[in-house]
């Protein structure tokens, strides 16, 4: 059975709380603090907290301002994670009920033996939200590491930026490959490097140029030290 604890803030306590928070004197008096053991219940009060466990927390704060500029400001957040931090998610939102402004940051991440995956998003706007999203994928297997980073923005319908990095270690040689696209359909630059040491390496770098007569250019390099 769910256990619920409710604490009603009386006028004397509310006056003291306003002083600690430096709230304007015209803010309406009164408010409730609710702590729910299993779920977050929305209600018309100023403060609410959800604490089912130390690894699953949520909270909401509403502040209603009177005329001549009446507005209700709402801040809401949520954090969940596993004890070993192999999975985590968070959300923090600020909105105004009258002017309908909204700002949201959210993200998720997971870590396993062979991969790291996560995203972090920022949204803002009024009726139609604009979004910037960062997405990271890392795959690991023995000596191999494959990394892909993607950036989504309102500027393009496709990914605004894509970066790919590949690393492997084969027969005493470190092998690195990298590519950059912006937007995702347009190759910008890339290269590869194979090295045993800084005095024994070779590689290639290719890049695009703004010149129509020379759309691509590249260099090859090699350093060898013989004893």
N, C-alpha and C. Protein backbone atom coordinates (compact mmCIF):
# COMPACT_ATOMS: atom_id res chain seq x y z
N UNK A 1 0.85 -1.20 0.00
CA UNK A 1 0.00 0.00 0.00
C UNK A 1 0.88 1.24 0.00
N UNK A 2 0.53 2.21 -0.83
CA UNK A 2 1.31 3.44 -0.91
C UNK A 2 1.17 4.25 0.36
N UNK A 3 2.29 4.75 0.84
CA UNK A 3 2.31 5.61 2.00
C UNK A 3 2.53 7.04 1.55
N UNK A 4 1.73 7.95 2.05
CA UNK A 4 1.80 9.35 1.63
C UNK A 4 1.90 10.23 2.86
N UNK A 5 2.82 11.19 2.79
CA UNK A 5 3.02 12.14 3.88
C UNK A 5 2.70 13.53 3.36
N UNK A 6 1.85 14.28 4.03
CA UNK A 6 1.49 15.63 3.61
C UNK A 6 1.79 16.61 4.73
N UNK A 7 2.40 17.73 4.34
CA UNK A 7 2.71 18.78 5.30
C UNK A 7 2.14 20.08 4.78
N UNK A 8 1.20 20.66 5.50
CA UNK A 8 0.60 21.92 5.11
C UNK A 8 1.41 23.07 5.71
N UNK A 9 1.83 23.98 4.85
CA UNK A 9 2.62 25.12 5.31
C UNK A 9 1.67 26.19 5.85
N UNK A 10 1.75 26.46 7.12
CA UNK A 10 0.89 27.47 7.73
C UNK A 10 1.45 28.87 7.44
N UNK A 11 0.64 29.88 7.76
CA UNK A 11 0.99 31.25 7.42
C UNK A 11 2.33 31.67 8.02
N UNK A 12 2.58 31.34 9.28
CA UNK A 12 3.83 31.73 9.92
C UNK A 12 5.03 31.07 9.24
N UNK A 13 4.87 29.77 8.94
CA UNK A 13 5.96 29.07 8.27
C UNK A 13 6.15 29.58 6.85
N UNK A 14 5.05 29.94 6.19
CA UNK A 14 5.15 30.45 4.81
C UNK A 14 5.86 31.80 4.78
N UNK A 15 5.59 32.66 5.78
CA UNK A 15 6.29 33.94 5.86
C UNK A 15 7.80 33.71 6.01
N UNK A 16 8.16 32.73 6.84
CA UNK A 16 9.57 32.43 7.04
C UNK A 16 10.20 31.87 5.77
N UNK A 17 9.45 31.00 5.05
CA UNK A 17 9.95 30.41 3.82
C UNK A 17 10.16 31.47 2.75
N UNK A 18 9.21 32.44 2.68
CA UNK A 18 9.36 33.51 1.69
C UNK A 18 10.62 34.33 1.95
N UNK A 19 10.93 34.53 3.23
CA UNK A 19 12.13 35.28 3.56
C UNK A 19 13.40 34.54 3.16
N UNK A 20 13.40 33.22 3.35
CA UNK A 20 14.56 32.42 2.97
C UNK A 20 14.74 32.38 1.47
N UNK A 21 13.63 32.35 0.71
CA UNK A 21 13.69 32.26 -0.74
C UNK A 21 13.76 33.62 -1.41
N UNK A 22 13.67 34.71 -0.63
CA UNK A 22 13.69 36.07 -1.16
C UNK A 22 12.58 36.28 -2.18
N UNK A 23 11.37 35.79 -1.88
CA UNK A 23 10.24 35.95 -2.78
C UNK A 23 9.67 37.35 -2.65
N UNK A 24 9.08 37.90 -3.73
CA UNK A 24 8.46 39.22 -3.64
C UNK A 24 7.29 39.20 -2.67
N UNK A 25 7.01 40.33 -1.98
CA UNK A 25 5.97 40.34 -0.94
C UNK A 25 4.57 40.14 -1.46
N UNK A 26 4.34 40.39 -2.79
CA UNK A 26 2.98 40.28 -3.29
C UNK A 26 2.59 38.85 -3.67
N UNK A 27 3.51 37.89 -3.52
CA UNK A 27 3.19 36.51 -3.83
C UNK A 27 2.12 36.01 -2.86
N UNK A 28 1.12 35.32 -3.43
CA UNK A 28 0.02 34.83 -2.59
C UNK A 28 0.54 33.86 -1.55
N UNK A 29 -0.02 33.96 -0.36
CA UNK A 29 0.42 33.13 0.74
C UNK A 29 -0.24 31.77 0.67
N UNK A 30 0.44 30.79 1.18
CA UNK A 30 -0.10 29.44 1.24
C UNK A 30 0.70 28.51 0.37
N UNK A 31 0.50 27.23 0.56
CA UNK A 31 1.23 26.26 -0.25
C UNK A 31 1.29 24.93 0.46
N UNK A 32 1.54 23.89 -0.28
CA UNK A 32 1.63 22.54 0.26
C UNK A 32 2.91 21.89 -0.19
N UNK A 33 3.42 21.00 0.62
CA UNK A 33 4.55 20.16 0.26
C UNK A 33 4.09 18.72 0.35
N UNK A 34 4.09 18.02 -0.76
CA UNK A 34 3.66 16.63 -0.79
C UNK A 34 4.84 15.74 -1.08
N UNK A 35 4.97 14.66 -0.35
CA UNK A 35 5.98 13.64 -0.63
C UNK A 35 5.23 12.33 -0.88
N UNK A 36 5.31 11.84 -2.13
CA UNK A 36 4.61 10.61 -2.49
C UNK A 36 5.60 9.47 -2.52
N UNK A 37 5.23 8.36 -1.96
CA UNK A 37 6.15 7.23 -1.84
C UNK A 37 6.34 6.49 -3.15
N UNK A 38 5.33 6.51 -4.05
CA UNK A 38 5.45 5.73 -5.27
C UNK A 38 5.20 6.53 -6.53
N UNK A 39 4.42 7.55 -6.47
CA UNK A 39 4.09 8.26 -7.70
C UNK A 39 3.94 9.74 -7.43
N UNK A 40 4.07 10.50 -8.50
CA UNK A 40 3.94 11.94 -8.42
C UNK A 40 2.51 12.32 -8.74
N UNK A 41 1.86 13.00 -7.82
CA UNK A 41 0.46 13.39 -8.02
C UNK A 41 0.40 14.89 -8.26
N UNK A 42 -0.19 15.29 -9.37
CA UNK A 42 -0.26 16.69 -9.72
C UNK A 42 -1.44 17.34 -8.99
N UNK A 43 -1.18 18.50 -8.41
CA UNK A 43 -2.25 19.17 -7.70
C UNK A 43 -1.95 20.66 -7.69
N UNK A 44 -2.94 21.46 -7.32
CA UNK A 44 -2.82 22.90 -7.44
C UNK A 44 -2.13 23.55 -6.27
N UNK A 45 -0.94 23.16 -5.97
CA UNK A 45 -0.18 23.78 -4.90
C UNK A 45 1.15 24.26 -5.45
N UNK A 46 2.00 24.75 -4.58
CA UNK A 46 3.23 25.39 -5.00
C UNK A 46 4.40 24.44 -5.18
N UNK A 47 4.52 23.44 -4.32
CA UNK A 47 5.69 22.57 -4.34
C UNK A 47 5.25 21.12 -4.25
N UNK A 48 5.88 20.25 -5.04
CA UNK A 48 5.61 18.82 -4.94
C UNK A 48 6.89 18.05 -5.20
N UNK A 49 7.12 17.00 -4.44
CA UNK A 49 8.30 16.16 -4.59
C UNK A 49 7.86 14.71 -4.70
N UNK A 50 8.53 13.96 -5.57
CA UNK A 50 8.30 12.52 -5.68
C UNK A 50 9.60 11.81 -5.35
N UNK A 51 9.60 10.99 -4.31
CA UNK A 51 10.81 10.31 -3.88
C UNK A 51 10.54 8.82 -3.66
N UNK A 52 10.24 8.08 -4.72
CA UNK A 52 10.04 6.64 -4.54
C UNK A 52 11.31 5.94 -4.05
N UNK A 53 12.48 6.48 -4.47
CA UNK A 53 13.76 5.96 -4.00
C UNK A 53 14.81 7.01 -4.28
N UNK A 54 16.01 6.81 -3.74
CA UNK A 54 17.09 7.77 -3.99
C UNK A 54 17.57 7.74 -5.43
N UNK A 55 17.16 6.71 -6.20
CA UNK A 55 17.57 6.62 -7.59
C UNK A 55 16.41 6.91 -8.54
N UNK A 56 15.33 7.43 -8.02
CA UNK A 56 14.18 7.79 -8.84
C UNK A 56 13.51 9.00 -8.18
N UNK A 57 13.87 10.17 -8.65
CA UNK A 57 13.43 11.39 -7.98
C UNK A 57 12.74 12.32 -8.98
N UNK A 58 11.77 13.05 -8.50
CA UNK A 58 11.08 14.04 -9.32
C UNK A 58 10.61 15.19 -8.47
N UNK A 59 10.41 16.31 -9.08
CA UNK A 59 9.95 17.47 -8.34
C UNK A 59 9.31 18.50 -9.24
N UNK A 60 8.47 19.34 -8.63
CA UNK A 60 7.77 20.37 -9.39
C UNK A 60 7.56 21.59 -8.50
N UNK A 61 7.87 22.76 -9.04
CA UNK A 61 7.70 24.01 -8.32
C UNK A 61 6.90 24.97 -9.19
N UNK A 62 5.79 25.50 -8.64
CA UNK A 62 4.96 26.47 -9.34
C UNK A 62 4.96 27.78 -8.57
N UNK A 63 5.12 28.87 -9.28
CA UNK A 63 5.13 30.20 -8.67
C UNK A 63 4.17 31.09 -9.46
N UNK A 64 3.09 31.51 -8.82
CA UNK A 64 2.07 32.33 -9.47
C UNK A 64 2.23 33.78 -9.03
N UNK A 65 2.42 34.67 -10.02
CA UNK A 65 2.59 36.09 -9.74
C UNK A 65 1.30 36.84 -10.08
N UNK A 66 0.96 37.84 -9.28
CA UNK A 66 -0.30 38.56 -9.48
C UNK A 66 -0.17 39.66 -10.54
N UNK A 67 -1.26 40.42 -10.75
CA UNK A 67 -1.28 41.56 -11.66
C UNK A 67 -0.30 42.62 -11.14
N UNK A 68 0.21 43.51 -11.98
CA UNK A 68 -0.25 43.79 -13.36
C UNK A 68 0.32 42.86 -14.42
N UNK A 69 1.26 42.01 -14.07
CA UNK A 69 1.84 41.06 -15.01
C UNK A 69 1.61 39.65 -14.49
N UNK A 70 0.38 39.18 -14.54
CA UNK A 70 0.09 37.85 -13.99
C UNK A 70 0.77 36.75 -14.81
N UNK A 71 1.40 35.86 -14.13
CA UNK A 71 2.08 34.76 -14.81
C UNK A 71 2.29 33.62 -13.82
N UNK A 72 2.30 32.42 -14.34
CA UNK A 72 2.61 31.25 -13.53
C UNK A 72 3.85 30.58 -14.11
N UNK A 73 4.89 30.51 -13.30
CA UNK A 73 6.14 29.88 -13.70
C UNK A 73 6.19 28.48 -13.10
N UNK A 74 6.55 27.52 -13.93
CA UNK A 74 6.57 26.12 -13.50
C UNK A 74 7.93 25.52 -13.84
N UNK A 75 8.58 24.94 -12.84
CA UNK A 75 9.82 24.20 -13.05
C UNK A 75 9.58 22.76 -12.61
N UNK A 76 9.91 21.84 -13.49
CA UNK A 76 9.68 20.42 -13.21
C UNK A 76 10.90 19.61 -13.62
N UNK A 77 11.29 18.66 -12.79
CA UNK A 77 12.46 17.85 -13.10
C UNK A 77 12.29 16.40 -12.69
N UNK A 78 13.10 15.56 -13.29
CA UNK A 78 13.05 14.13 -12.99
C UNK A 78 14.42 13.53 -13.24
N UNK A 79 14.84 12.63 -12.36
CA UNK A 79 16.12 11.94 -12.48
C UNK A 79 15.95 10.49 -12.09
N UNK A 80 16.39 9.60 -12.97
CA UNK A 80 16.36 8.17 -12.70
C UNK A 80 17.70 7.56 -13.09
N UNK A 81 18.19 6.62 -12.29
CA UNK A 81 19.43 5.93 -12.64
C UNK A 81 19.52 4.63 -11.86
N UNK A 82 20.28 3.70 -12.41
CA UNK A 82 20.53 2.44 -11.73
C UNK A 82 21.71 2.61 -10.77
N UNK A 83 21.79 1.71 -9.82
CA UNK A 83 22.80 1.81 -8.78
C UNK A 83 24.21 1.78 -9.36
N UNK A 84 24.43 0.98 -10.39
CA UNK A 84 25.77 0.89 -11.00
C UNK A 84 25.98 1.93 -12.10
N UNK A 85 25.01 2.85 -12.27
CA UNK A 85 25.07 3.92 -13.27
C UNK A 85 25.14 3.40 -14.70
N UNK A 86 24.70 2.16 -14.93
CA UNK A 86 24.70 1.63 -16.29
C UNK A 86 23.58 2.23 -17.13
N UNK A 87 22.58 2.79 -16.48
CA UNK A 87 21.50 3.48 -17.18
C UNK A 87 21.11 4.72 -16.39
N UNK A 88 20.81 5.80 -17.15
CA UNK A 88 20.46 7.05 -16.49
C UNK A 88 19.57 7.86 -17.43
N UNK A 89 18.63 8.59 -16.86
CA UNK A 89 17.78 9.49 -17.64
C UNK A 89 17.46 10.71 -16.78
N UNK A 90 17.32 11.87 -17.43
CA UNK A 90 17.01 13.10 -16.72
C UNK A 90 16.14 14.00 -17.59
N UNK A 91 15.36 14.84 -16.93
CA UNK A 91 14.53 15.82 -17.61
C UNK A 91 14.36 17.02 -16.72
N UNK A 92 14.57 18.20 -17.27
CA UNK A 92 14.36 19.45 -16.55
C UNK A 92 13.59 20.39 -17.47
N UNK A 93 12.46 20.89 -16.98
CA UNK A 93 11.58 21.70 -17.82
C UNK A 93 11.17 22.98 -17.11
N UNK A 94 11.19 24.08 -17.87
CA UNK A 94 10.68 25.36 -17.37
C UNK A 94 9.64 25.87 -18.36
N UNK A 95 8.50 26.31 -17.86
CA UNK A 95 7.46 26.84 -18.73
C UNK A 95 6.67 27.92 -18.02
N UNK A 96 6.04 28.77 -18.82
CA UNK A 96 5.13 29.79 -18.31
C UNK A 96 3.75 29.49 -18.89
N UNK A 97 2.72 29.52 -18.04
CA UNK A 97 1.40 29.09 -18.47
C UNK A 97 0.68 30.15 -19.30
N UNK A 98 0.91 31.43 -19.05
CA UNK A 98 0.22 32.48 -19.80
C UNK A 98 0.92 32.79 -21.13
N UNK A 99 2.20 33.09 -21.08
CA UNK A 99 2.94 33.40 -22.31
C UNK A 99 3.34 32.15 -23.09
N UNK A 100 3.22 30.97 -22.47
CA UNK A 100 3.43 29.68 -23.12
C UNK A 100 4.86 29.50 -23.62
N UNK A 101 5.81 30.09 -22.91
CA UNK A 101 7.22 29.81 -23.19
C UNK A 101 7.59 28.47 -22.58
N UNK A 102 8.50 27.76 -23.25
CA UNK A 102 8.90 26.45 -22.73
C UNK A 102 10.36 26.18 -23.08
N UNK A 103 11.10 25.66 -22.09
CA UNK A 103 12.48 25.25 -22.27
C UNK A 103 12.64 23.89 -21.61
N UNK A 104 13.19 22.94 -22.34
CA UNK A 104 13.31 21.58 -21.83
C UNK A 104 14.71 21.05 -22.16
N UNK A 105 15.35 20.47 -21.18
CA UNK A 105 16.56 19.70 -21.41
C UNK A 105 16.31 18.28 -20.92
N UNK A 106 16.71 17.30 -21.72
CA UNK A 106 16.47 15.91 -21.37
C UNK A 106 17.59 15.06 -21.95
N UNK A 107 17.73 13.86 -21.41
CA UNK A 107 18.77 12.98 -21.92
C UNK A 107 18.68 11.59 -21.33
N UNK A 108 19.30 10.66 -22.01
CA UNK A 108 19.38 9.28 -21.55
C UNK A 108 20.76 8.74 -21.89
N UNK A 109 21.22 7.78 -21.10
CA UNK A 109 22.50 7.15 -21.36
C UNK A 109 22.53 5.74 -20.84
N UNK A 110 23.29 4.90 -21.50
CA UNK A 110 23.44 3.51 -21.06
C UNK A 110 24.86 3.04 -21.36
N UNK A 111 25.38 2.23 -20.46
CA UNK A 111 26.73 1.70 -20.60
C UNK A 111 26.68 0.19 -20.41
N UNK A 112 27.18 -0.53 -21.38
CA UNK A 112 27.32 -1.98 -21.26
C UNK A 112 28.79 -2.34 -21.50
N UNK A 113 29.08 -3.61 -21.45
CA UNK A 113 30.46 -4.05 -21.64
C UNK A 113 30.97 -3.71 -23.03
N UNK A 114 30.07 -3.71 -24.01
CA UNK A 114 30.53 -3.49 -25.39
C UNK A 114 30.05 -2.20 -26.02
N UNK A 115 29.36 -1.33 -25.29
CA UNK A 115 28.84 -0.13 -25.94
C UNK A 115 28.53 0.98 -24.93
N UNK A 116 28.53 2.18 -25.44
CA UNK A 116 28.07 3.36 -24.72
C UNK A 116 27.12 4.11 -25.65
N UNK A 117 25.90 4.33 -25.21
CA UNK A 117 24.90 5.01 -26.02
C UNK A 117 24.23 6.10 -25.19
N UNK A 118 23.98 7.23 -25.84
CA UNK A 118 23.32 8.29 -25.11
C UNK A 118 22.92 9.44 -26.01
N UNK A 119 22.03 10.24 -25.49
CA UNK A 119 21.62 11.46 -26.19
C UNK A 119 21.29 12.54 -25.17
N UNK A 120 21.46 13.78 -25.60
CA UNK A 120 21.15 14.93 -24.76
C UNK A 120 20.46 15.97 -25.64
N UNK A 121 19.25 16.35 -25.25
CA UNK A 121 18.41 17.19 -26.10
C UNK A 121 18.05 18.49 -25.39
N UNK A 122 17.98 19.58 -26.18
CA UNK A 122 17.51 20.86 -25.67
C UNK A 122 16.40 21.36 -26.59
N UNK A 123 15.25 21.69 -26.00
CA UNK A 123 14.09 22.15 -26.77
C UNK A 123 13.62 23.49 -26.23
N UNK A 124 13.13 24.34 -27.13
CA UNK A 124 12.63 25.64 -26.70
C UNK A 124 11.60 26.14 -27.72
N UNK A 125 10.76 27.06 -27.26
CA UNK A 125 9.78 27.66 -28.14
C UNK A 125 8.45 27.85 -27.44
N UNK A 126 7.42 28.10 -28.25
CA UNK A 126 6.07 28.30 -27.74
C UNK A 126 5.17 27.16 -28.24
N UNK A 127 4.43 27.40 -29.33
CA UNK A 127 3.52 26.36 -29.82
C UNK A 127 4.28 25.21 -30.49
N UNK A 128 5.33 25.56 -31.23
CA UNK A 128 6.12 24.53 -31.92
C UNK A 128 7.56 24.61 -31.43
N UNK A 129 8.03 23.55 -30.81
CA UNK A 129 9.35 23.57 -30.20
C UNK A 129 10.45 23.35 -31.23
N UNK A 130 11.55 24.06 -31.06
CA UNK A 130 12.76 23.81 -31.83
C UNK A 130 13.66 22.90 -30.99
N UNK A 131 14.50 22.11 -31.68
CA UNK A 131 15.25 21.07 -30.98
C UNK A 131 16.71 21.05 -31.43
N UNK A 132 17.60 20.91 -30.46
CA UNK A 132 19.00 20.56 -30.71
C UNK A 132 19.26 19.26 -29.96
N UNK A 133 19.75 18.27 -30.68
CA UNK A 133 19.93 16.95 -30.08
C UNK A 133 21.34 16.44 -30.35
N UNK A 134 22.02 16.00 -29.31
CA UNK A 134 23.34 15.39 -29.42
C UNK A 134 23.22 13.89 -29.19
N UNK A 135 23.75 13.10 -30.12
CA UNK A 135 23.62 11.65 -30.04
C UNK A 135 25.02 11.02 -30.13
N UNK A 136 25.34 10.15 -29.19
CA UNK A 136 26.65 9.51 -29.16
C UNK A 136 26.48 8.00 -29.09
N UNK A 137 27.22 7.30 -29.95
CA UNK A 137 27.24 5.84 -29.95
C UNK A 137 28.69 5.38 -29.99
N UNK A 138 29.05 4.54 -29.04
CA UNK A 138 30.40 4.00 -28.97
C UNK A 138 30.30 2.48 -28.88
N UNK A 139 31.00 1.79 -29.78
CA UNK A 139 31.03 0.33 -29.79
C UNK A 139 32.45 -0.13 -29.50
N UNK A 140 32.58 -1.08 -28.57
CA UNK A 140 33.89 -1.58 -28.21
C UNK A 140 33.92 -3.11 -28.33
N UNK A 141 35.03 -3.62 -28.88
CA UNK A 141 35.21 -5.07 -28.98
C UNK A 141 36.69 -5.36 -29.07
N UNK A 142 37.25 -6.03 -28.08
CA UNK A 142 38.69 -6.28 -28.01
C UNK A 142 39.43 -4.94 -28.14
N UNK A 143 40.26 -4.81 -29.17
CA UNK A 143 41.03 -3.58 -29.37
C UNK A 143 40.31 -2.56 -30.25
N UNK A 144 39.13 -2.90 -30.71
CA UNK A 144 38.42 -2.05 -31.65
C UNK A 144 37.48 -1.10 -30.91
N UNK A 145 37.49 0.17 -31.34
CA UNK A 145 36.57 1.18 -30.81
C UNK A 145 35.98 1.95 -31.99
N UNK A 146 34.67 2.00 -32.07
CA UNK A 146 33.97 2.69 -33.16
C UNK A 146 33.07 3.75 -32.54
N UNK A 147 33.30 5.02 -32.89
CA UNK A 147 32.58 6.15 -32.30
C UNK A 147 31.83 6.90 -33.39
N UNK A 148 30.55 7.18 -33.13
CA UNK A 148 29.74 8.01 -34.02
C UNK A 148 29.04 9.09 -33.20
N UNK A 149 29.22 10.33 -33.62
CA UNK A 149 28.54 11.46 -32.98
C UNK A 149 27.68 12.17 -34.02
N UNK A 150 26.44 12.46 -33.65
CA UNK A 150 25.51 13.14 -34.54
C UNK A 150 24.90 14.34 -33.85
N UNK A 151 24.74 15.43 -34.60
CA UNK A 151 24.13 16.65 -34.09
C UNK A 151 22.92 16.99 -34.94
N UNK A 152 21.76 17.08 -34.29
CA UNK A 152 20.52 17.46 -34.97
C UNK A 152 20.15 18.88 -34.56
N UNK A 153 19.87 19.74 -35.55
CA UNK A 153 19.47 21.12 -35.28
C UNK A 153 18.34 21.51 -36.24
N UNK A 154 17.67 22.63 -35.98
CA UNK A 154 16.62 23.07 -36.90
C UNK A 154 17.13 23.53 -38.26
N UNK A 155 18.44 23.67 -38.41
CA UNK A 155 18.98 24.21 -39.66
C UNK A 155 18.76 23.28 -40.84
N UNK A 156 18.86 21.98 -40.62
CA UNK A 156 18.69 21.00 -41.69
C UNK A 156 17.65 19.96 -41.29
N UNK A 157 17.00 19.38 -42.30
CA UNK A 157 16.09 18.26 -42.05
C UNK A 157 16.88 16.99 -41.75
N UNK A 158 18.10 16.92 -42.24
CA UNK A 158 18.99 15.80 -41.93
C UNK A 158 19.93 16.22 -40.81
N UNK A 159 20.80 15.30 -40.38
CA UNK A 159 21.75 15.62 -39.32
C UNK A 159 22.63 16.80 -39.74
N UNK A 160 22.80 17.76 -38.84
CA UNK A 160 23.63 18.92 -39.13
C UNK A 160 25.11 18.56 -39.17
N UNK A 161 25.51 17.66 -38.29
CA UNK A 161 26.92 17.27 -38.20
C UNK A 161 27.01 15.78 -37.86
N UNK A 162 27.91 15.09 -38.55
CA UNK A 162 28.17 13.68 -38.26
C UNK A 162 29.68 13.48 -38.21
N UNK A 163 30.15 12.91 -37.12
CA UNK A 163 31.57 12.59 -36.98
C UNK A 163 31.71 11.10 -36.69
N UNK A 164 32.60 10.45 -37.44
CA UNK A 164 32.85 9.03 -37.25
C UNK A 164 34.34 8.82 -37.01
N UNK A 165 34.64 8.08 -35.95
CA UNK A 165 36.04 7.78 -35.61
C UNK A 165 36.15 6.28 -35.34
N UNK A 166 37.17 5.68 -35.94
CA UNK A 166 37.38 4.23 -35.80
C UNK A 166 38.82 4.00 -35.35
N UNK A 167 38.98 3.14 -34.34
CA UNK A 167 40.32 2.80 -33.86
C UNK A 167 40.45 1.29 -33.74
N UNK A 168 41.62 0.78 -34.13
CA UNK A 168 41.90 -0.66 -33.98
C UNK A 168 43.41 -0.82 -33.79
N UNK A 169 43.77 -1.94 -33.21
CA UNK A 169 45.18 -2.26 -32.98
C UNK A 169 45.43 -3.64 -33.55
N UNK A 170 46.21 -3.68 -34.66
CA UNK A 170 46.45 -4.92 -35.38
C UNK A 170 47.94 -5.04 -35.66
N UNK A 171 48.53 -6.15 -35.25
CA UNK A 171 49.93 -6.46 -35.55
C UNK A 171 50.86 -5.31 -35.20
N UNK A 172 50.75 -4.83 -33.97
CA UNK A 172 51.60 -3.78 -33.41
C UNK A 172 51.37 -2.42 -34.04
N UNK A 173 50.31 -2.26 -34.83
CA UNK A 173 50.02 -0.98 -35.44
C UNK A 173 48.68 -0.43 -34.93
N UNK A 174 48.70 0.83 -34.58
CA UNK A 174 47.47 1.54 -34.25
C UNK A 174 46.86 2.08 -35.54
N UNK A 175 45.59 1.82 -35.73
CA UNK A 175 44.90 2.26 -36.95
C UNK A 175 43.76 3.19 -36.56
N UNK A 176 43.79 4.40 -37.10
CA UNK A 176 42.78 5.41 -36.80
C UNK A 176 42.16 5.88 -38.11
N UNK A 177 40.83 5.90 -38.14
CA UNK A 177 40.09 6.41 -39.30
C UNK A 177 39.09 7.44 -38.79
N UNK A 178 38.92 8.53 -39.51
CA UNK A 178 38.00 9.58 -39.08
C UNK A 178 37.34 10.22 -40.29
N UNK A 179 36.07 10.58 -40.15
CA UNK A 179 35.32 11.24 -41.22
C UNK A 179 34.41 12.30 -40.61
N UNK A 180 34.23 13.40 -41.32
CA UNK A 180 33.38 14.50 -40.87
C UNK A 180 32.43 14.89 -42.00
N UNK A 181 31.12 14.98 -41.67
CA UNK A 181 30.09 15.36 -42.63
C UNK A 181 29.28 16.52 -42.06
N UNK A 182 28.93 17.48 -42.93
CA UNK A 182 28.05 18.57 -42.51
C UNK A 182 27.42 19.24 -43.74
N UNK A 183 26.08 19.04 -43.93
CA UNK A 183 25.20 18.13 -43.20
C UNK A 183 25.59 16.67 -43.46
N UNK A 184 24.77 15.74 -43.05
CA UNK A 184 25.17 14.33 -43.11
C UNK A 184 25.39 13.82 -44.53
N UNK A 185 24.80 14.49 -45.53
CA UNK A 185 24.97 14.06 -46.92
C UNK A 185 26.18 14.71 -47.59
N UNK A 186 26.88 15.62 -46.88
CA UNK A 186 28.00 16.36 -47.47
C UNK A 186 29.30 16.01 -46.75
N UNK A 187 30.19 15.35 -47.47
CA UNK A 187 31.49 15.00 -46.90
C UNK A 187 32.35 16.26 -46.78
N UNK A 188 32.97 16.47 -45.61
CA UNK A 188 33.82 17.64 -45.40
C UNK A 188 35.30 17.26 -45.40
N UNK A 189 35.65 16.36 -44.52
CA UNK A 189 37.05 15.95 -44.44
C UNK A 189 37.15 14.59 -43.78
N UNK A 190 38.29 13.96 -43.95
CA UNK A 190 38.52 12.66 -43.36
C UNK A 190 39.96 12.23 -43.56
N UNK A 191 40.32 11.19 -42.88
CA UNK A 191 41.69 10.72 -43.02
C UNK A 191 41.91 9.41 -42.31
N UNK A 192 43.11 8.87 -42.51
CA UNK A 192 43.49 7.63 -41.84
C UNK A 192 44.96 7.71 -41.46
N UNK A 193 45.28 7.11 -40.34
CA UNK A 193 46.65 7.08 -39.86
C UNK A 193 46.94 5.68 -39.33
N UNK A 194 48.06 5.11 -39.76
CA UNK A 194 48.57 3.85 -39.23
C UNK A 194 49.94 4.14 -38.62
N UNK A 195 50.12 3.79 -37.34
CA UNK A 195 51.42 4.09 -36.75
C UNK A 195 51.79 3.04 -35.71
N UNK A 196 53.10 2.80 -35.68
CA UNK A 196 53.68 1.97 -34.65
C UNK A 196 54.29 2.84 -33.56
N UNK A 197 54.80 3.98 -33.96
CA UNK A 197 55.31 5.02 -33.07
C UNK A 197 55.26 6.33 -33.86
N UNK A 198 55.53 7.43 -33.20
CA UNK A 198 55.49 8.71 -33.89
C UNK A 198 56.60 8.84 -34.93
N UNK A 199 57.58 8.01 -34.85
CA UNK A 199 58.66 8.03 -35.85
C UNK A 199 58.46 6.96 -36.91
N UNK A 200 57.35 6.27 -36.85
CA UNK A 200 57.07 5.23 -37.84
C UNK A 200 55.57 5.21 -38.10
N UNK A 201 55.14 6.05 -39.02
CA UNK A 201 53.71 6.16 -39.30
C UNK A 201 53.47 6.58 -40.74
N UNK A 202 52.26 6.36 -41.20
CA UNK A 202 51.84 6.83 -42.52
C UNK A 202 50.35 7.14 -42.46
N UNK A 203 49.92 8.02 -43.36
CA UNK A 203 48.52 8.40 -43.33
C UNK A 203 48.11 9.22 -44.53
N UNK A 204 46.80 9.47 -44.60
CA UNK A 204 46.19 10.24 -45.69
C UNK A 204 45.13 11.15 -45.10
N UNK A 205 45.08 12.39 -45.58
CA UNK A 205 44.03 13.33 -45.18
C UNK A 205 43.41 13.90 -46.45
N UNK A 206 42.10 13.80 -46.55
CA UNK A 206 41.35 14.35 -47.69
C UNK A 206 40.34 15.36 -47.18
N UNK A 207 40.11 16.42 -47.95
CA UNK A 207 39.15 17.44 -47.55
C UNK A 207 38.53 18.10 -48.77
N UNK A 208 37.35 18.64 -48.60
CA UNK A 208 36.71 19.39 -49.67
C UNK A 208 37.18 20.84 -49.63
N UNK A 209 37.02 21.55 -50.75
CA UNK A 209 37.41 22.95 -50.83
C UNK A 209 36.25 23.74 -51.43
N UNK A 210 36.22 25.07 -51.23
CA UNK A 210 35.16 25.89 -51.82
C UNK A 210 35.40 26.24 -53.28
N UNK A 211 36.48 25.74 -53.87
CA UNK A 211 36.82 26.09 -55.25
C UNK A 211 36.24 25.06 -56.22
N UNK A 212 35.50 25.55 -57.22
CA UNK A 212 34.84 24.65 -58.16
C UNK A 212 35.85 23.84 -58.97
N UNK A 213 37.00 24.45 -59.32
CA UNK A 213 38.01 23.75 -60.12
C UNK A 213 38.78 22.72 -59.30
N UNK A 214 38.71 22.83 -57.98
CA UNK A 214 39.42 21.90 -57.10
C UNK A 214 38.52 21.51 -55.94
N UNK A 215 37.51 20.66 -56.20
CA UNK A 215 36.54 20.32 -55.14
C UNK A 215 37.15 19.52 -54.00
N UNK A 216 38.22 18.75 -54.30
CA UNK A 216 38.85 17.93 -53.26
C UNK A 216 40.36 18.13 -53.30
N UNK A 217 40.96 17.99 -52.15
CA UNK A 217 42.41 17.99 -52.06
C UNK A 217 42.82 17.05 -50.94
N UNK A 218 44.04 16.59 -50.98
CA UNK A 218 44.49 15.65 -49.97
C UNK A 218 45.99 15.58 -49.90
N UNK A 219 46.47 14.97 -48.83
CA UNK A 219 47.91 14.78 -48.66
C UNK A 219 48.15 13.37 -48.16
N UNK A 220 49.29 12.84 -48.56
CA UNK A 220 49.78 11.56 -48.05
C UNK A 220 51.10 11.83 -47.32
N UNK A 221 51.29 11.16 -46.20
CA UNK A 221 52.54 11.36 -45.47
C UNK A 221 53.02 10.03 -44.91
N UNK A 222 54.33 9.96 -44.71
CA UNK A 222 54.94 8.75 -44.18
C UNK A 222 56.23 9.11 -43.47
N UNK A 223 56.41 8.58 -42.29
CA UNK A 223 57.67 8.77 -41.56
C UNK A 223 58.18 7.40 -41.16
N UNK A 224 59.44 7.14 -41.48
CA UNK A 224 60.06 5.86 -41.16
C UNK A 224 61.44 6.11 -40.59
N UNK A 225 61.75 5.49 -39.49
CA UNK A 225 63.08 5.58 -38.89
C UNK A 225 63.69 4.19 -38.87
N UNK A 226 64.83 4.06 -39.50
CA UNK A 226 65.50 2.76 -39.56
C UNK A 226 66.73 2.79 -38.66
N UNK A 227 66.90 1.72 -37.94
CA UNK A 227 68.07 1.63 -37.05
C UNK A 227 69.28 1.12 -37.81
